[in-house]
Amino acid sequence: MAPRKTRVTIETERIWVLEKPSGKKVWCPTCRRRVSALTPEEVAALLSVAAHPSCPIKTEKLHFVGTSNGEMVVCADSLVSQNAIQ
């Protein structure tokens, strides 16, 4: 008699909240609404711990927004929409 094999699959889901209490909100012209904004450094830090290796981030799909003080920020919705954060 052949040995029996059992496969167990466990699915988990994480929810990442990309908004800080003191977080910036900016108008994203691509999304056409106010969105949470992340600095490029915050995006890099987040992706270093939360990025899914099978879903690399496509920077050309990120929405970069210039602020009135000359800072460049990233639309958080454009990051989440790529399903890169797991």
Protein backbone atom coordinates (compact mmCIF):
# COMPACT_ATOMS: atom_id res chain seq x y z
CA MET A 1 0.00 0.00 0.00
CA ALA A 2 1.37 3.42 -1.01
CA PRO A 3 1.81 6.04 1.71
CA ARG A 4 -0.91 8.67 1.81
CA LYS A 5 -0.07 12.30 1.32
CA THR A 6 -2.01 15.20 2.75
CA ARG A 7 -1.66 18.74 1.48
CA VAL A 8 -2.58 21.56 3.83
CA THR A 9 -3.00 25.07 2.44
CA ILE A 10 -3.18 28.03 4.75
CA GLU A 11 -4.19 31.36 3.27
CA THR A 12 -3.60 34.55 5.14
CA GLU A 13 -4.30 38.14 4.35
CA ARG A 14 -2.70 41.30 5.61
CA ILE A 15 -4.13 44.74 5.51
CA TRP A 16 -1.68 47.61 5.24
CA VAL A 17 -2.89 51.02 6.23
CA LEU A 18 -0.89 53.56 4.30
CA GLU A 19 -1.88 56.59 6.25
CA LYS A 20 -0.26 58.27 9.19
CA PRO A 21 -2.17 60.44 11.66
CA SER A 22 -0.03 63.36 10.55
CA GLY A 23 0.14 62.07 6.99
CA LYS A 24 -0.05 64.27 3.95
CA LYS A 25 -3.02 64.36 1.67
CA VAL A 26 -2.47 65.60 -1.86
CA TRP A 27 -4.51 65.91 -5.01
CA CYS A 28 -3.57 63.13 -7.42
CA PRO A 29 -4.43 64.25 -10.95
CA THR A 30 -4.38 60.66 -12.19
CA CYS A 31 -6.77 59.36 -9.51
CA ARG A 32 -8.70 62.65 -9.61
CA ARG A 33 -9.07 62.86 -5.82
CA ARG A 34 -7.24 63.58 -2.60
CA VAL A 35 -5.04 60.67 -1.59
CA SER A 36 -2.52 59.79 1.08
CA ALA A 37 0.98 60.69 0.02
CA LEU A 38 4.21 58.86 0.78
CA THR A 39 7.73 60.11 0.33
CA PRO A 40 9.98 58.01 -1.92
CA GLU A 41 11.90 57.01 1.22
CA GLU A 42 8.70 55.76 2.88
CA VAL A 43 7.83 53.76 -0.24
CA ALA A 44 11.29 52.17 -0.28
CA ALA A 45 11.09 51.29 3.42
CA LEU A 46 7.60 49.84 3.04
CA LEU A 47 8.55 47.73 0.03
CA SER A 48 11.66 46.40 1.76
CA VAL A 49 9.48 44.73 4.42
CA ALA A 50 6.16 44.19 2.67
CA ALA A 51 6.81 43.61 -1.00
CA HIS A 52 5.72 40.32 -2.46
CA PRO A 53 8.62 38.83 -4.47
CA SER A 54 6.36 37.43 -7.18
CA CYS A 55 4.81 40.84 -7.85
CA PRO A 56 7.55 43.40 -8.47
CA ILE A 57 6.61 47.04 -8.30
CA LYS A 58 6.32 48.85 -11.61
CA THR A 59 7.55 52.38 -11.01
CA GLU A 60 6.04 53.60 -14.27
CA LYS A 61 2.61 52.84 -12.78
CA LEU A 62 3.18 54.92 -9.65
CA HIS A 63 1.62 58.36 -9.52
CA PHE A 64 4.23 60.95 -8.60
CA VAL A 65 2.86 64.27 -7.40
CA GLY A 66 4.79 67.50 -6.87
CA THR A 67 3.77 69.50 -3.81
CA SER A 68 3.64 73.27 -3.45
CA ASN A 69 6.90 73.26 -1.49
CA GLY A 70 8.73 71.39 -4.26
CA GLU A 71 8.64 67.97 -2.64
CA MET A 72 7.93 64.88 -4.76
CA VAL A 73 5.55 62.35 -3.20
CA VAL A 74 3.93 59.10 -4.31
CA CYS A 75 0.19 58.48 -4.39
CA ALA A 76 -0.40 55.64 -1.93
CA ASP A 77 -3.38 54.38 -3.94
CA SER A 78 -1.17 53.83 -6.99
CA LEU A 79 1.14 51.68 -4.88
CA VAL A 80 -1.67 49.59 -3.40
CA SER A 81 -3.37 49.11 -6.77
CA GLN A 82 -0.39 47.11 -8.01
CA ASN A 83 -0.93 44.46 -5.33
CA ALA A 84 2.77 44.63 -4.59
CA ILE A 85 2.20 44.78 -0.87
CA GLN A 86 1.20 41.47 0.66
